Structure formats: C-alpha cells, structure tokens
Amino acid sequence: MPFLNPNKNPVFLNPIKMSYDDGLCPDCNLEIPDDVVEGQECQNCGHVFNEEMPCEREIEDDGTWTCIYDHTGCLWNDSNNGCSHGGDSLRPLEVVND
C-alpha cells in the first residue's frame, strides 16, 4: 500500500527492505535497494535478501534452543544458530498484547 511523500507522490514500500532493520544489509550495513527482490544478493557482501521470517525456535534433545530461521542479526543468536534468550517460549521475541 502506498503513502504520499512530502511532494504528494505515492511511495510504495518494499516488504523485503522493510523487514530489515533500518533497510540495511545485516552483514555489511549497506543500504538495501528500494527495488530489491526475493533472493537478490547484496552487491557488497553477497548476503541474500529474503523477507524475514518470524522469530521461532525449537528445543533440542540436550535442552539447548535452536533458531529455526537463523536470524543472524538477532542479539540472542550465538552465530551458530543457537538461541540464548531466556524462558521456554517457542517465539521468544513475539510481542504479547494483554
């Protein structure tokens, strides 16, 4: 859905770019192009852009948590696909509305 910029021109937001913090590549912080498409690589570092999946994890047999979608930009991801967020929620970062 478009919105109007200060010049009253319609602006369409790219859902892939919007799914990344500040519209930046999580690996090298280069701005993601406005016309990025699913599966396109960052021109600087090769990161493959995809619409971010929700924060979901599963517990392993040894009691450790694994990030299902490997959110490497998450501060709880240990860079080896492990999740160190406390608690036992399968969706630890989901906002709960009371």
PDB file of N, CA and C in Angstrom:
ATOM      1  N   MET A   1       0.847  -1.175   0.000  1.00  0.00           N
ATOM      2  CA  MET A   1       0.000   0.000   0.000  1.00  0.00           C
ATOM      3  C   MET A   1       0.893   1.238   0.000  1.00  0.00           C
ATOM      4  N   PRO A   2       0.598   2.200  -0.876  1.00  0.00           N
ATOM      5  CA  PRO A   2       1.450   3.384  -0.948  1.00  0.00           C
ATOM      6  C   PRO A   2       1.079   4.418   0.102  1.00  0.00           C
ATOM      7  N   PHE A   3       2.009   5.314   0.378  1.00  0.00           N
ATOM      8  CA  PHE A   3       1.727   6.501   1.164  1.00  0.00           C
ATOM      9  C   PHE A   3       2.243   7.677   0.348  1.00  0.00           C
ATOM     10  N   LEU A   4       1.894   8.890   0.720  1.00  0.00           N
ATOM     11  CA  LEU A   4       2.323  10.063  -0.025  1.00  0.00           C
ATOM     12  C   LEU A   4       3.530  10.695   0.643  1.00  0.00           C
ATOM     13  N   ASN A   5       4.551  10.965  -0.154  1.00  0.00           N
ATOM     14  CA  ASN A   5       5.720  11.655   0.384  1.00  0.00           C
ATOM     15  C   ASN A   5       5.413  13.150   0.451  1.00  0.00           C
ATOM     16  N   PRO A   6       6.332  13.989   0.941  1.00  0.00           N
ATOM     17  CA  PRO A   6       6.042  15.435   1.068  1.00  0.00           C
ATOM     18  C   PRO A   6       5.641  16.103  -0.243  1.00  0.00           C
ATOM     19  N   ASN A   7       6.027  15.552  -1.381  1.00  0.00           N
ATOM     20  CA  ASN A   7       5.654  16.117  -2.679  1.00  0.00           C
ATOM     21  C   ASN A   7       4.326  15.575  -3.191  1.00  0.00           C
ATOM     22  N   LYS A   8       3.627  14.815  -2.346  1.00  0.00           N
ATOM     23  CA  LYS A   8       2.326  14.214  -2.669  1.00  0.00           C
ATOM     24  C   LYS A   8       2.420  13.138  -3.748  1.00  0.00           C
ATOM     25  N   ASN A   9       3.601  12.553  -3.911  1.00  0.00           N
ATOM     26  CA  ASN A   9       3.775  11.453  -4.855  1.00  0.00           C
ATOM     27  C   ASN A   9       3.614  10.144  -4.101  1.00  0.00           C
ATOM     28  N   PRO A  10       2.969   9.137  -4.704  1.00  0.00           N
ATOM     29  CA  PRO A  10       2.822   7.858  -3.996  1.00  0.00           C
ATOM     30  C   PRO A  10       4.160   7.145  -3.865  1.00  0.00           C
ATOM     31  N   VAL A  11       4.379   6.558  -2.709  1.00  0.00           N
ATOM     32  CA  VAL A  11       5.593   5.802  -2.437  1.00  0.00           C
ATOM     33  C   VAL A  11       5.170   4.399  -2.044  1.00  0.00           C
ATOM     34  N   PHE A  12       5.718   3.397  -2.712  1.00  0.00           N
ATOM     35  CA  PHE A  12       5.412   2.012  -2.389  1.00  0.00           C
ATOM     36  C   PHE A  12       6.556   1.442  -1.569  1.00  0.00           C
ATOM     37  N   LEU A  13       6.242   0.854  -0.439  1.00  0.00           N
ATOM     38  CA  LEU A  13       7.259   0.309   0.449  1.00  0.00           C
ATOM     39  C   LEU A  13       7.553  -1.137   0.062  1.00  0.00           C
ATOM     40  N   ASN A  14       8.814  -1.469  -0.029  1.00  0.00           N
ATOM     41  CA  ASN A  14       9.230  -2.816  -0.381  1.00  0.00           C
ATOM     42  C   ASN A  14       9.233  -3.672   0.887  1.00  0.00           C
ATOM     43  N   PRO A  15       8.401  -4.737   0.926  1.00  0.00           N
ATOM     44  CA  PRO A  15       8.315  -5.540   2.159  1.00  0.00           C
ATOM     45  C   PRO A  15       9.613  -6.244   2.524  1.00  0.00           C
ATOM     46  N   ILE A  16      10.448  -6.565   1.539  1.00  0.00           N
ATOM     47  CA  ILE A  16      11.721  -7.210   1.855  1.00  0.00           C
ATOM     48  C   ILE A  16      12.649  -6.207   2.530  1.00  0.00           C
ATOM     49  N   LYS A  17      12.772  -5.005   1.945  1.00  0.00           N
ATOM     50  CA  LYS A  17      13.623  -3.984   2.548  1.00  0.00           C
ATOM     51  C   LYS A  17      13.095  -3.603   3.927  1.00  0.00           C
ATOM     52  N   MET A  18      11.785  -3.503   4.080  1.00  0.00           N
ATOM     53  CA  MET A  18      11.185  -3.124   5.362  1.00  0.00           C
ATOM     54  C   MET A  18      11.429  -4.165   6.449  1.00  0.00           C
ATOM     55  N   SER A  19      11.665  -5.412   6.059  1.00  0.00           N
ATOM     56  CA  SER A  19      11.849  -6.460   7.067  1.00  0.00           C
ATOM     57  C   SER A  19      13.250  -6.438   7.688  1.00  0.00           C
ATOM     58  N   TYR A  20      14.143  -5.608   7.147  1.00  0.00           N
ATOM     59  CA  TYR A  20      15.496  -5.466   7.702  1.00  0.00           C
ATOM     60  C   TYR A  20      15.603  -4.161   8.483  1.00  0.00           C
ATOM     61  N   ASP A  21      16.261  -4.207   9.636  1.00  0.00           N
ATOM     62  CA  ASP A  21      16.418  -3.020  10.477  1.00  0.00           C
ATOM     63  C   ASP A  21      17.007  -1.864   9.676  1.00  0.00           C
ATOM     64  N   ASP A  22      16.302  -0.751   9.683  1.00  0.00           N
ATOM     65  CA  ASP A  22      16.710   0.478   9.009  1.00  0.00           C
ATOM     66  C   ASP A  22      16.953   0.303   7.513  1.00  0.00           C
ATOM     67  N   GLY A  23      16.472  -0.801   6.927  1.00  0.00           N
ATOM     68  CA  GLY A  23      16.658  -1.035   5.497  1.00  0.00           C
ATOM     69  C   GLY A  23      18.099  -1.283   5.112  1.00  0.00           C
ATOM     70  N   LEU A  24      18.879  -1.825   6.068  1.00  0.00           N
ATOM     71  CA  LEU A  24      20.302  -2.054   5.835  1.00  0.00           C
ATOM     72  C   LEU A  24      20.619  -3.541   5.810  1.00  0.00           C
ATOM     73  N   CYS A  25      21.620  -3.906   5.019  1.00  0.00           N
ATOM     74  CA  CYS A  25      22.094  -5.281   4.992  1.00  0.00           C
ATOM     75  C   CYS A  25      22.601  -5.637   6.394  1.00  0.00           C
ATOM     76  N   PRO A  26      22.162  -6.765   6.959  1.00  0.00           N
ATOM     77  CA  PRO A  26      22.590  -7.115   8.318  1.00  0.00           C
ATOM     78  C   PRO A  26      24.056  -7.523   8.412  1.00  0.00           C
ATOM     79  N   ASP A  27      24.680  -7.829   7.279  1.00  0.00           N
ATOM     80  CA  ASP A  27      26.069  -8.272   7.311  1.00  0.00           C
ATOM     81  C   ASP A  27      27.079  -7.151   7.087  1.00  0.00           C
ATOM     82  N   CYS A  28      26.710  -6.144   6.270  1.00  0.00           N
ATOM     83  CA  CYS A  28      27.700  -5.096   5.967  1.00  0.00           C
ATOM     84  C   CYS A  28      27.153  -3.672   6.144  1.00  0.00           C
ATOM     85  N   ASN A  29      25.865  -3.543   6.488  1.00  0.00           N
ATOM     86  CA  ASN A  29      25.215  -2.248   6.732  1.00  0.00           C
ATOM     87  C   ASN A  29      25.075  -1.359   5.501  1.00  0.00           C
ATOM     88  N   LEU A  30      25.198  -1.926   4.304  1.00  0.00           N
ATOM     89  CA  LEU A  30      24.926  -1.176   3.082  1.00  0.00           C
ATOM     90  C   LEU A  30      23.414  -1.029   2.939  1.00  0.00           C
ATOM     91  N   GLU A  31      22.950   0.132   2.484  1.00  0.00           N
ATOM     92  CA  GLU A  31      21.511   0.314   2.300  1.00  0.00           C
ATOM     93  C   GLU A  31      20.997  -0.648   1.236  1.00  0.00           C
ATOM     94  N   ILE A  32      19.878  -1.300   1.541  1.00  0.00           N
ATOM     95  CA  ILE A  32      19.246  -2.232   0.613  1.00  0.00           C
ATOM     96  C   ILE A  32      18.523  -1.420  -0.456  1.00  0.00           C
ATOM     97  N   PRO A  33      18.664  -1.781  -1.740  1.00  0.00           N
ATOM     98  CA  PRO A  33      17.977  -1.035  -2.800  1.00  0.00           C
ATOM     99  C   PRO A  33      16.460  -1.069  -2.618  1.00  0.00           C
ATOM    100  N   ASP A  34      15.797   0.021  -3.005  1.00  0.00           N
ATOM    101  CA  ASP A  34      14.338   0.095  -2.884  1.00  0.00           C
ATOM    102  C   ASP A  34      13.634  -0.955  -3.733  1.00  0.00           C
ATOM    103  N   ASP A  35      14.272  -1.402  -4.805  1.00  0.00           N
ATOM    104  CA  ASP A  35      13.641  -2.362  -5.708  1.00  0.00           C
ATOM    105  C   ASP A  35      14.151  -3.790  -5.512  1.00  0.00           C
ATOM    106  N   VAL A  36      14.688  -4.086  -4.328  1.00  0.00           N
ATOM    107  CA  VAL A  36      15.221  -5.415  -4.046  1.00  0.00           C
ATOM    108  C   VAL A  36      14.127  -6.473  -4.229  1.00  0.00           C
ATOM    109  N   VAL A  37      14.522  -7.643  -4.740  1.00  0.00           N
ATOM    110  CA  VAL A  37      13.590  -8.755  -4.925  1.00  0.00           C
ATOM    111  C   VAL A  37      14.055  -9.946  -4.101  1.00  0.00           C
ATOM    112  N   GLU A  38      13.136 -10.822  -3.788  1.00  0.00           N
ATOM    113  CA  GLU A  38      13.415 -12.032  -3.013  1.00  0.00           C
ATOM    114  C   GLU A  38      14.567 -12.806  -3.648  1.00  0.00           C
ATOM    115  N   GLY A  39      15.581 -13.131  -2.867  1.00  0.00           N
ATOM    116  CA  GLY A  39      16.709 -13.914  -3.344  1.00  0.00           C
ATOM    117  C   GLY A  39      17.852 -13.106  -3.934  1.00  0.00           C
ATOM    118  N   GLN A  40      17.680 -11.796  -4.056  1.00  0.00           N
ATOM    119  CA  GLN A  40      18.740 -10.949  -4.600  1.00  0.00           C
ATOM    120  C   GLN A  40      19.879 -10.851  -3.594  1.00  0.00           C
ATOM    121  N   GLU A  41      21.110 -10.790  -4.089  1.00  0.00           N
ATOM    122  CA  GLU A  41      22.282 -10.694  -3.218  1.00  0.00           C
ATOM    123  C   GLU A  41      22.708  -9.244  -3.019  1.00  0.00           C
ATOM    124  N   CYS A  42      23.257  -8.967  -1.853  1.00  0.00           N
ATOM    125  CA  CYS A  42      23.849  -7.658  -1.571  1.00  0.00           C
ATOM    126  C   CYS A  42      25.032  -7.468  -2.506  1.00  0.00           C
ATOM    127  N   GLN A  43      25.100  -6.302  -3.135  1.00  0.00           N
ATOM    128  CA  GLN A  43      26.184  -6.045  -4.086  1.00  0.00           C
ATOM    129  C   GLN A  43      27.541  -5.912  -3.405  1.00  0.00           C
ATOM    130  N   ASN A  44      27.535  -5.700  -2.092  1.00  0.00           N
ATOM    131  CA  ASN A  44      28.788  -5.523  -1.364  1.00  0.00           C
ATOM    132  C   ASN A  44      29.313  -6.819  -0.748  1.00  0.00           C
ATOM    133  N   CYS A  45      28.426  -7.603  -0.087  1.00  0.00           N
ATOM    134  CA  CYS A  45      28.915  -8.756   0.674  1.00  0.00           C
ATOM    135  C   CYS A  45      28.304 -10.100   0.272  1.00  0.00           C
ATOM    136  N   GLY A  46      27.275 -10.080  -0.578  1.00  0.00           N
ATOM    137  CA  GLY A  46      26.681 -11.335  -1.024  1.00  0.00           C
ATOM    138  C   GLY A  46      25.541 -11.858  -0.164  1.00  0.00           C
ATOM    139  N   HIS A  47      25.160 -11.129   0.915  1.00  0.00           N
ATOM    140  CA  HIS A  47      24.018 -11.550   1.728  1.00  0.00           C
ATOM    141  C   HIS A  47      22.801 -11.701   0.819  1.00  0.00           C
ATOM    142  N   VAL A  48      22.033 -12.771   1.000  1.00  0.00           N
ATOM    143  CA  VAL A  48      20.837 -12.993   0.191  1.00  0.00           C
ATOM    144  C   VAL A  48      19.639 -12.433   0.937  1.00  0.00           C
ATOM    145  N   PHE A  49      18.922 -11.513   0.287  1.00  0.00           N
ATOM    146  CA  PHE A  49      17.781 -10.858   0.916  1.00  0.00           C
ATOM    147  C   PHE A  49      16.513 -11.690   0.756  1.00  0.00           C
ATOM    148  N   ASN A  50      15.848 -11.912   1.869  1.00  0.00           N
ATOM    149  CA  ASN A  50      14.568 -12.597   1.922  1.00  0.00           C
ATOM    150  C   ASN A  50      13.705 -11.873   2.933  1.00  0.00           C
ATOM    151  N   GLU A  51      12.401 -11.959   2.747  1.00  0.00           N
ATOM    152  CA  GLU A  51      11.520 -11.362   3.739  1.00  0.00           C
ATOM    153  C   GLU A  51      11.721 -12.132   5.037  1.00  0.00           C
ATOM    154  N   GLU A  52      11.974 -11.398   6.109  1.00  0.00           N
ATOM    155  CA  GLU A  52      12.290 -12.041   7.381  1.00  0.00           C
ATOM    156  C   GLU A  52      11.137 -12.911   7.872  1.00  0.00           C
ATOM    157  N   MET A  53      11.481 -14.058   8.360  1.00  0.00           N
ATOM    158  CA  MET A  53      10.520 -14.978   8.945  1.00  0.00           C
ATOM    159  C   MET A  53      10.377 -14.622  10.432  1.00  0.00           C
ATOM    160  N   PRO A  54       9.301 -15.056  11.063  1.00  0.00           N
ATOM    161  CA  PRO A  54       9.127 -14.739  12.486  1.00  0.00           C
ATOM    162  C   PRO A  54      10.202 -15.399  13.347  1.00  0.00           C
ATOM    163  N   CYS A  55      10.392 -14.845  14.524  1.00  0.00           N
ATOM    164  CA  CYS A  55      11.333 -15.418  15.475  1.00  0.00           C
ATOM    165  C   CYS A  55      10.700 -16.685  16.051  1.00  0.00           C
ATOM    166  N   GLU A  56      11.211 -17.827  15.658  1.00  0.00           N
ATOM    167  CA  GLU A  56      10.730 -19.105  16.178  1.00  0.00           C
ATOM    168  C   GLU A  56      11.932 -19.984  16.491  1.00  0.00           C
ATOM    169  N   ARG A  57      11.790 -20.787  17.511  1.00  0.00           N
ATOM    170  CA  ARG A  57      12.882 -21.674  17.881  1.00  0.00           C
ATOM    171  C   ARG A  57      12.326 -23.006  18.350  1.00  0.00           C
ATOM    172  N   GLU A  58      13.223 -23.985  18.441  1.00  0.00           N
ATOM    173  CA  GLU A  58      12.836 -25.301  18.937  1.00  0.00           C
ATOM    174  C   GLU A  58      13.888 -25.773  19.917  1.00  0.00           C
ATOM    175  N   ILE A  59      13.447 -26.633  20.834  1.00  0.00           N
ATOM    176  CA  ILE A  59      14.378 -27.134  21.841  1.00  0.00           C
ATOM    177  C   ILE A  59      14.960 -28.466  21.357  1.00  0.00           C
ATOM    178  N   GLU A  60      16.250 -28.602  21.543  1.00  0.00           N
ATOM    179  CA  GLU A  60      16.949 -29.824  21.142  1.00  0.00           C
ATOM    180  C   GLU A  60      16.906 -30.848  22.278  1.00  0.00           C
ATOM    181  N   ASP A  61      17.273 -32.074  21.978  1.00  0.00           N
ATOM    182  CA  ASP A  61      17.263 -33.144  22.979  1.00  0.00           C
ATOM    183  C   ASP A  61      18.157 -32.836  24.180  1.00  0.00           C
ATOM    184  N   ASP A  62      19.216 -32.051  23.941  1.00  0.00           N
ATOM    185  CA  ASP A  62      20.139 -31.733  25.047  1.00  0.00           C
ATOM    186  C   ASP A  62      19.695 -30.515  25.852  1.00  0.00           C
ATOM    187  N   GLY A  63      18.510 -29.950  25.529  1.00  0.00           N
ATOM    188  CA  GLY A  63      17.964 -28.826  26.283  1.00  0.00           C
ATOM    189  C   GLY A  63      18.347 -27.455  25.748  1.00  0.00           C
ATOM    190  N   THR A  64      19.154 -27.407  24.703  1.00  0.00           N
ATOM    191  CA  THR A  64      19.509 -26.119  24.107  1.00  0.00           C
ATOM    192  C   THR A  64      18.454 -25.710  23.087  1.00  0.00           C
ATOM    193  N   TRP A  65      18.385 -24.410  22.818  1.00  0.00           N
ATOM    194  CA  TRP A  65      17.423 -23.877  21.852  1.00  0.00           C
ATOM    195  C   TRP A  65      18.111 -23.607  20.519  1.00  0.00           C
ATOM    196  N   THR A  66      17.410 -23.880  19.426  1.00  0.00           N
ATOM    197  CA  THR A  66      17.906 -23.615  18.080  1.00  0.00           C
ATOM    198  C   THR A  66      16.965 -22.654  17.381  1.00  0.00           C
ATOM    199  N   CYS A  67      17.534 -21.623  16.766  1.00  0.00           N
ATOM    200  CA  CYS A  67      16.768 -20.654  15.985  1.00  0.00           C
ATOM    201  C   CYS A  67      16.374 -21.331  14.667  1.00  0.00           C
ATOM    202  N   ILE A  68      15.087 -21.474  14.410  1.00  0.00           N
ATOM    203  CA  ILE A  68      14.611 -22.175  13.215  1.00  0.00           C
ATOM    204  C   ILE A  68      15.000 -21.444  11.933  1.00  0.00           C
ATOM    205  N   TYR A  69      14.865 -20.123  11.921  1.00  0.00           N
ATOM    206  CA  TYR A  69      15.118 -19.370  10.695  1.00  0.00           C
ATOM    207  C   TYR A  69      16.485 -18.701  10.666  1.00  0.00           C
ATOM    208  N   ASP A  70      17.349 -19.015  11.620  1.00  0.00           N
ATOM    209  CA  ASP A  70      18.715 -18.499  11.677  1.00  0.00           C
ATOM    210  C   ASP A  70      18.791 -16.987  11.532  1.00  0.00           C
ATOM    211  N   HIS A  71      18.161 -16.285  12.463  1.00  0.00           N
ATOM    212  CA  HIS A  71      18.197 -14.821  12.483  1.00  0.00           C
ATOM    213  C   HIS A  71      19.556 -14.355  12.980  1.00  0.00           C
ATOM    214  N   THR A  72      20.501 -14.236  12.078  1.00  0.00           N
ATOM    215  CA  THR A  72      21.859 -13.883  12.487  1.00  0.00           C
ATOM    216  C   THR A  72      21.961 -12.468  13.029  1.00  0.00           C
ATOM    217  N   GLY A  73      20.997 -11.603  12.706  1.00  0.00           N
ATOM    218  CA  GLY A  73      21.020 -10.243  13.230  1.00  0.00           C
ATOM    219  C   GLY A  73      20.452 -10.120  14.625  1.00  0.00           C
ATOM    220  N   CYS A  74      19.863 -11.174  15.161  1.00  0.00           N
ATOM    221  CA  CYS A  74      19.253 -11.151  16.490  1.00  0.00           C
ATOM    222  C   CYS A  74      20.342 -11.197  17.559  1.00  0.00           C
ATOM    223  N   LEU A  75      20.225 -10.353  18.579  1.00  0.00           N
ATOM    224  CA  LEU A  75      21.260 -10.337  19.608  1.00  0.00           C
ATOM    225  C   LEU A  75      21.269 -11.615  20.434  1.00  0.00           C
ATOM    226  N   TRP A  76      20.214 -12.427  20.372  1.00  0.00           N
ATOM    227  CA  TRP A  76      20.176 -13.686  21.119  1.00  0.00           C
ATOM    228  C   TRP A  76      20.764 -14.846  20.313  1.00  0.00           C
ATOM    229  N   ASN A  77      20.992 -14.660  19.015  1.00  0.00           N
ATOM    230  CA  ASN A  77      21.573 -15.714  18.180  1.00  0.00           C
ATOM    231  C   ASN A  77      23.073 -15.753  18.437  1.00  0.00           C
ATOM    232  N   ASP A  78      23.597 -16.945  18.714  1.00  0.00           N
ATOM    233  CA  ASP A  78      25.013 -17.077  19.079  1.00  0.00           C
ATOM    234  C   ASP A  78      25.939 -17.255  17.873  1.00  0.00           C
ATOM    235  N   SER A  79      25.436 -16.972  16.676  1.00  0.00           N
ATOM    236  CA  SER A  79      26.176 -17.112  15.413  1.00  0.00           C
ATOM    237  C   SER A  79      26.370 -18.562  14.983  1.00  0.00           C
ATOM    238  N   ASN A  80      25.858 -19.496  15.767  1.00  0.00           N
ATOM    239  CA  ASN A  80      25.886 -20.914  15.401  1.00  0.00           C
ATOM    240  C   ASN A  80      24.471 -21.476  15.356  1.00  0.00           C
ATOM    241  N   ASN A  81      23.497 -20.587  15.142  1.00  0.00           N
ATOM    242  CA  ASN A  81      22.088 -20.940  15.055  1.00  0.00           C
ATOM    243  C   ASN A  81      21.481 -21.284  16.409  1.00  0.00           C
ATOM    244  N   GLY A  82      22.202 -21.056  17.492  1.00  0.00           N
ATOM    245  CA  GLY A  82      21.662 -21.280  18.828  1.00  0.00           C
ATOM    246  C   GLY A  82      20.970 -20.024  19.332  1.00  0.00           C
ATOM    247  N   CYS A  83      19.988 -20.197  20.205  1.00  0.00           N
ATOM    248  CA  CYS A  83      19.249 -19.071  20.768  1.00  0.00           C
ATOM    249  C   CYS A  83      19.465 -19.047  22.276  1.00  0.00           C
ATOM    250  N   SER A  84      19.970 -17.918  22.780  1.00  0.00           N
ATOM    251  CA  SER A  84      20.261 -17.817  24.213  1.00  0.00           C
ATOM    252  C   SER A  84      19.212 -17.013  24.974  1.00  0.00           C
ATOM    253  N   HIS A  85      18.080 -16.708  24.346  1.00  0.00           N
ATOM    254  CA  HIS A  85      17.013 -15.962  25.024  1.00  0.00           C
ATOM    255  C   HIS A  85      16.464 -16.818  26.160  1.00  0.00           C
ATOM    256  N   GLY A  86      16.239 -16.216  27.314  1.00  0.00           N
ATOM    257  CA  GLY A  86      15.737 -16.958  28.468  1.00  0.00           C
ATOM    258  C   GLY A  86      14.277 -17.371  28.303  1.00  0.00           C
ATOM    259  N   GLY A  87      13.831 -18.230  29.157  1.00  0.00           N
ATOM    260  CA  GLY A  87      12.443 -18.678  29.132  1.00  0.00           C
ATOM    261  C   GLY A  87      12.240 -19.884  28.235  1.00  0.00           C
ATOM    262  N   ASP A  88      10.963 -20.306  28.117  1.00  0.00           N
ATOM    263  CA  ASP A  88      10.681 -21.515  27.350  1.00  0.00           C
ATOM    264  C   ASP A  88       9.699 -21.278  26.200  1.00  0.00           C
ATOM    265  N   SER A  89       9.576 -20.037  25.749  1.00  0.00           N
ATOM    266  CA  SER A  89       8.664 -19.716  24.661  1.00  0.00           C
ATOM    267  C   SER A  89       9.240 -20.171  23.326  1.00  0.00           C
ATOM    268  N   LEU A  90       8.381 -20.709  22.456  1.00  0.00           N
ATOM    269  CA  LEU A  90       8.808 -21.077  21.111  1.00  0.00           C
ATOM    270  C   LEU A  90       8.994 -19.847  20.240  1.00  0.00           C
ATOM    271  N   ARG A  91       8.367 -18.733  20.622  1.00  0.00           N
ATOM    272  CA  ARG A  91       8.501 -17.461  19.919  1.00  0.00           C
ATOM    273  C   ARG A  91       8.934 -16.408  20.932  1.00  0.00           C
ATOM    274  N   PRO A  92      10.201 -16.410  21.333  1.00  0.00           N
ATOM    275  CA  PRO A  92      10.654 -15.571  22.452  1.00  0.00           C
ATOM    276  C   PRO A  92      10.536 -14.073  22.216  1.00  0.00           C
ATOM    277  N   LEU A  93      10.587 -13.613  20.976  1.00  0.00           N
ATOM    278  CA  LEU A  93      10.566 -12.172  20.741  1.00  0.00           C
ATOM    279  C   LEU A  93       9.193 -11.672  20.312  1.00  0.00           C
ATOM    280  N   GLU A  94       8.220 -12.552  20.304  1.00  0.00           N
ATOM    281  CA  GLU A  94       6.868 -12.135  19.912  1.00  0.00           C
ATOM    282  C   GLU A  94       6.280 -11.215  20.983  1.00  0.00           C
ATOM    283  N   VAL A  95       5.680 -10.134  20.556  1.00  0.00           N
ATOM    284  CA  VAL A  95       5.073  -9.188  21.491  1.00  0.00           C
ATOM    285  C   VAL A  95       3.737  -9.742  21.941  1.00  0.00           C
ATOM    286  N   VAL A  96       3.534  -9.767  23.233  1.00  0.00           N
ATOM    287  CA  VAL A  96       2.274 -10.272  23.782  1.00  0.00           C
ATOM    288  C   VAL A  96       1.413  -9.083  24.167  1.00  0.00           C
ATOM    289  N   ASN A  97       0.221  -9.025  23.589  1.00  0.00           N
ATOM    290  CA  ASN A  97      -0.723  -7.950  23.927  1.00  0.00           C
ATOM    291  C   ASN A  97      -1.693  -8.470  24.974  1.00  0.00           C
ATOM    292  N   ASP A  98      -1.699  -7.834  26.121  1.00  0.00           N
ATOM    293  CA  ASP A  98      -2.608  -8.255  27.200  1.00  0.00           C
ATOM    294  C   ASP A  98      -3.963  -7.609  27.025  1.00  0.00           C
TER     295      ASP A  98
END
